[in-house]
């Protein structure tokens, strides 16, 4: 299992687009990927799951990947998240 912490780096007007893109990126990955935020954990491949974590701009969250491509998975998602900085 591999984990990495992030902070949402954007203004509220890009929030839904960010979540949609994150879910699409995660859908291309074989590993199981979960997001942890505020004591809630959900599958990143689920749009509603990500929204249900309650993440908001400025929030710190953790992505956890488990599977044969877990390191590549987090690198790919990290690159996606960093495009919003």
N, C-alpha and C. Protein backbone atom coordinates (compact mmCIF):
# COMPACT_ATOMS: atom_id res chain seq x y z
N UNK A 1 0.84 -1.18 0.00
CA UNK A 1 0.00 0.00 0.00
C UNK A 1 0.89 1.24 0.00
N UNK A 2 0.53 2.20 -0.82
CA UNK A 2 1.26 3.46 -0.94
C UNK A 2 0.29 4.59 -0.65
N UNK A 3 0.74 5.60 0.11
CA UNK A 3 -0.10 6.76 0.41
C UNK A 3 0.64 8.05 0.12
N UNK A 4 -0.13 9.10 -0.11
CA UNK A 4 0.44 10.43 -0.32
C UNK A 4 -0.58 11.46 0.12
N UNK A 5 -0.12 12.52 0.80
CA UNK A 5 -0.99 13.59 1.26
C UNK A 5 -0.98 14.75 0.27
N UNK A 6 -2.13 15.41 0.16
CA UNK A 6 -2.30 16.53 -0.76
C UNK A 6 -3.13 17.61 -0.07
N UNK A 7 -3.10 18.82 -0.65
CA UNK A 7 -4.00 19.87 -0.23
C UNK A 7 -4.69 20.40 -1.48
N UNK A 8 -6.01 20.60 -1.41
CA UNK A 8 -6.73 21.11 -2.57
C UNK A 8 -6.26 22.54 -2.85
N UNK A 9 -5.68 22.77 -4.02
CA UNK A 9 -5.00 24.03 -4.27
C UNK A 9 -5.78 25.04 -5.11
N UNK A 10 -7.11 25.04 -5.09
CA UNK A 10 -7.82 25.85 -6.07
C UNK A 10 -9.02 26.57 -5.47
N UNK A 11 -9.58 27.44 -6.27
CA UNK A 11 -10.77 28.20 -5.89
C UNK A 11 -12.02 27.36 -6.12
N UNK A 12 -13.11 27.65 -5.41
CA UNK A 12 -14.34 26.86 -5.51
C UNK A 12 -14.91 26.72 -6.92
N UNK A 13 -14.68 27.67 -7.82
CA UNK A 13 -15.28 27.59 -9.15
C UNK A 13 -14.70 26.45 -10.00
N UNK A 14 -13.60 25.86 -9.59
CA UNK A 14 -13.01 24.74 -10.35
C UNK A 14 -13.21 23.41 -9.63
N UNK A 15 -13.93 23.39 -8.55
CA UNK A 15 -14.06 22.21 -7.70
C UNK A 15 -14.68 21.01 -8.42
N UNK A 16 -15.82 21.18 -9.05
CA UNK A 16 -16.50 20.06 -9.71
C UNK A 16 -15.67 19.54 -10.88
N UNK A 17 -15.07 20.44 -11.63
CA UNK A 17 -14.21 20.02 -12.72
C UNK A 17 -13.01 19.23 -12.22
N UNK A 18 -12.45 19.66 -11.09
CA UNK A 18 -11.33 18.95 -10.49
C UNK A 18 -11.74 17.54 -10.08
N UNK A 19 -12.85 17.41 -9.37
CA UNK A 19 -13.31 16.10 -8.91
C UNK A 19 -13.62 15.19 -10.10
N UNK A 20 -14.27 15.73 -11.12
CA UNK A 20 -14.59 14.93 -12.31
C UNK A 20 -13.31 14.40 -12.96
N UNK A 21 -12.32 15.26 -13.11
CA UNK A 21 -11.06 14.85 -13.71
C UNK A 21 -10.31 13.83 -12.86
N UNK A 22 -10.37 14.01 -11.54
CA UNK A 22 -9.71 13.07 -10.64
C UNK A 22 -10.33 11.68 -10.78
N UNK A 23 -11.64 11.62 -10.85
CA UNK A 23 -12.34 10.34 -11.00
C UNK A 23 -11.99 9.70 -12.35
N UNK A 24 -11.94 10.50 -13.41
CA UNK A 24 -11.56 9.96 -14.72
C UNK A 24 -10.14 9.43 -14.73
N UNK A 25 -9.21 10.17 -14.13
CA UNK A 25 -7.82 9.71 -14.03
C UNK A 25 -7.74 8.40 -13.25
N UNK A 26 -8.45 8.34 -12.14
CA UNK A 26 -8.42 7.14 -11.30
C UNK A 26 -9.01 5.95 -12.04
N UNK A 27 -9.99 6.20 -12.90
CA UNK A 27 -10.61 5.12 -13.66
C UNK A 27 -9.66 4.44 -14.64
N UNK A 28 -8.56 5.08 -14.96
CA UNK A 28 -7.57 4.52 -15.89
C UNK A 28 -6.55 3.64 -15.17
N UNK A 29 -6.68 3.53 -13.88
CA UNK A 29 -5.68 2.84 -13.05
C UNK A 29 -6.26 1.52 -12.55
N UNK A 30 -5.43 0.49 -12.54
CA UNK A 30 -5.89 -0.83 -12.09
C UNK A 30 -5.98 -0.93 -10.56
N UNK A 31 -5.10 -0.25 -9.86
CA UNK A 31 -5.07 -0.35 -8.39
C UNK A 31 -6.34 0.18 -7.76
N UNK A 32 -6.62 -0.31 -6.56
CA UNK A 32 -7.70 0.24 -5.75
C UNK A 32 -7.17 1.55 -5.17
N UNK A 33 -7.95 2.62 -5.29
CA UNK A 33 -7.51 3.93 -4.80
C UNK A 33 -8.61 4.50 -3.93
N UNK A 34 -8.23 4.92 -2.74
CA UNK A 34 -9.18 5.54 -1.82
C UNK A 34 -8.70 6.93 -1.43
N UNK A 35 -9.67 7.77 -1.11
CA UNK A 35 -9.38 9.11 -0.61
C UNK A 35 -9.85 9.17 0.83
N UNK A 36 -9.01 9.71 1.70
CA UNK A 36 -9.34 9.91 3.12
C UNK A 36 -9.33 11.40 3.41
N UNK A 37 -10.43 11.89 3.98
CA UNK A 37 -10.50 13.30 4.34
C UNK A 37 -11.51 13.45 5.48
N UNK A 38 -11.08 14.10 6.53
CA UNK A 38 -11.99 14.36 7.64
C UNK A 38 -12.57 13.12 8.28
N UNK A 39 -11.80 12.04 8.31
CA UNK A 39 -12.27 10.80 8.92
C UNK A 39 -13.15 9.94 8.03
N UNK A 40 -13.37 10.37 6.79
CA UNK A 40 -14.17 9.59 5.85
C UNK A 40 -13.25 9.03 4.77
N UNK A 41 -13.58 7.84 4.29
CA UNK A 41 -12.79 7.19 3.26
C UNK A 41 -13.71 6.65 2.17
N UNK A 42 -13.39 6.96 0.91
CA UNK A 42 -14.21 6.51 -0.21
C UNK A 42 -13.34 6.16 -1.40
N UNK A 43 -13.91 5.40 -2.32
CA UNK A 43 -13.25 5.02 -3.57
C UNK A 43 -13.12 6.25 -4.46
N UNK A 44 -11.91 6.52 -4.95
CA UNK A 44 -11.67 7.68 -5.81
C UNK A 44 -12.30 7.49 -7.19
N UNK A 45 -12.61 6.28 -7.55
CA UNK A 45 -13.23 6.02 -8.86
C UNK A 45 -14.72 6.32 -8.85
N UNK A 46 -15.24 6.77 -7.72
CA UNK A 46 -16.66 7.12 -7.58
C UNK A 46 -16.80 8.63 -7.37
N UNK A 47 -17.46 9.29 -8.31
CA UNK A 47 -17.66 10.74 -8.21
C UNK A 47 -18.37 11.10 -6.91
N UNK A 48 -19.48 10.42 -6.64
CA UNK A 48 -20.23 10.70 -5.41
C UNK A 48 -19.44 10.34 -4.16
N UNK A 49 -18.63 9.28 -4.26
CA UNK A 49 -17.79 8.91 -3.14
C UNK A 49 -16.81 10.01 -2.78
N UNK A 50 -16.17 10.58 -3.80
CA UNK A 50 -15.22 11.68 -3.54
C UNK A 50 -15.95 12.87 -2.95
N UNK A 51 -17.10 13.22 -3.49
CA UNK A 51 -17.87 14.34 -2.94
C UNK A 51 -18.29 14.08 -1.50
N UNK A 52 -18.62 12.83 -1.18
CA UNK A 52 -19.08 12.48 0.17
C UNK A 52 -17.98 12.54 1.22
N UNK A 53 -16.72 12.63 0.80
CA UNK A 53 -15.66 12.79 1.80
C UNK A 53 -15.72 14.17 2.43
N UNK A 54 -16.38 15.10 1.75
CA UNK A 54 -16.48 16.46 2.27
C UNK A 54 -15.26 17.30 1.97
N UNK A 55 -14.44 16.89 1.01
CA UNK A 55 -13.27 17.71 0.70
C UNK A 55 -13.72 19.05 0.16
N UNK A 56 -12.99 20.08 0.48
CA UNK A 56 -13.29 21.43 0.03
C UNK A 56 -11.97 22.14 -0.23
N UNK A 57 -12.02 23.27 -0.94
CA UNK A 57 -10.78 23.99 -1.22
C UNK A 57 -9.98 24.27 0.06
N UNK A 58 -8.70 23.95 0.01
CA UNK A 58 -7.82 24.13 1.15
C UNK A 58 -7.72 22.92 2.05
N UNK A 59 -8.60 21.94 1.85
CA UNK A 59 -8.60 20.74 2.69
C UNK A 59 -7.37 19.87 2.40
N UNK A 60 -6.90 19.21 3.43
CA UNK A 60 -5.82 18.23 3.28
C UNK A 60 -6.46 16.86 3.21
N UNK A 61 -6.02 16.05 2.24
CA UNK A 61 -6.56 14.71 2.08
C UNK A 61 -5.44 13.75 1.72
N UNK A 62 -5.71 12.47 1.91
CA UNK A 62 -4.74 11.43 1.61
C UNK A 62 -5.29 10.51 0.54
N UNK A 63 -4.46 10.19 -0.43
CA UNK A 63 -4.80 9.17 -1.41
C UNK A 63 -4.03 7.91 -1.05
N UNK A 64 -4.73 6.79 -1.08
CA UNK A 64 -4.13 5.49 -0.75
C UNK A 64 -4.37 4.55 -1.91
N UNK A 65 -3.28 4.00 -2.45
CA UNK A 65 -3.38 3.07 -3.58
C UNK A 65 -2.87 1.70 -3.16
N UNK A 66 -3.55 0.68 -3.63
CA UNK A 66 -3.15 -0.70 -3.33
C UNK A 66 -3.35 -1.54 -4.58
N UNK A 67 -2.26 -2.12 -5.06
CA UNK A 67 -2.32 -2.96 -6.24
C UNK A 67 -0.98 -3.02 -6.94
N UNK A 68 -0.96 -3.69 -8.08
CA UNK A 68 0.31 -3.90 -8.77
C UNK A 68 0.89 -2.63 -9.39
N UNK A 69 0.09 -1.61 -9.62
CA UNK A 69 0.59 -0.35 -10.19
C UNK A 69 0.42 0.82 -9.23
N UNK A 70 0.45 0.55 -7.92
CA UNK A 70 0.13 1.58 -6.93
C UNK A 70 1.06 2.79 -6.97
N UNK A 71 2.36 2.58 -7.17
CA UNK A 71 3.27 3.73 -7.21
C UNK A 71 3.03 4.57 -8.45
N UNK A 72 2.83 3.93 -9.58
CA UNK A 72 2.52 4.64 -10.81
C UNK A 72 1.17 5.36 -10.67
N UNK A 73 0.24 4.73 -10.00
CA UNK A 73 -1.09 5.32 -9.80
C UNK A 73 -0.99 6.64 -9.05
N UNK A 74 -0.26 6.65 -7.94
CA UNK A 74 -0.14 7.88 -7.17
C UNK A 74 0.66 8.94 -7.91
N UNK A 75 1.65 8.52 -8.68
CA UNK A 75 2.41 9.48 -9.49
C UNK A 75 1.50 10.14 -10.52
N UNK A 76 0.65 9.34 -11.15
CA UNK A 76 -0.28 9.86 -12.15
C UNK A 76 -1.30 10.81 -11.53
N UNK A 77 -1.85 10.44 -10.40
CA UNK A 77 -2.82 11.30 -9.73
C UNK A 77 -2.17 12.56 -9.17
N UNK A 78 -0.95 12.42 -8.68
CA UNK A 78 -0.21 13.58 -8.18
C UNK A 78 0.04 14.58 -9.31
N UNK A 79 0.41 14.09 -10.48
CA UNK A 79 0.62 14.97 -11.64
C UNK A 79 -0.68 15.70 -12.00
N UNK A 80 -1.81 14.99 -11.93
CA UNK A 80 -3.10 15.62 -12.20
C UNK A 80 -3.40 16.73 -11.18
N UNK A 81 -3.23 16.42 -9.92
CA UNK A 81 -3.52 17.39 -8.85
C UNK A 81 -2.61 18.61 -8.96
N UNK A 82 -1.34 18.38 -9.29
CA UNK A 82 -0.39 19.48 -9.38
C UNK A 82 -0.66 20.42 -10.54
N UNK A 83 -1.43 19.98 -11.53
CA UNK A 83 -1.81 20.88 -12.63
C UNK A 83 -2.69 22.04 -12.15
N UNK A 84 -3.30 21.88 -10.97
CA UNK A 84 -4.20 22.91 -10.44
C UNK A 84 -3.48 23.89 -9.53
N UNK A 85 -2.20 23.75 -9.35
CA UNK A 85 -1.46 24.67 -8.47
C UNK A 85 -1.05 25.90 -9.21
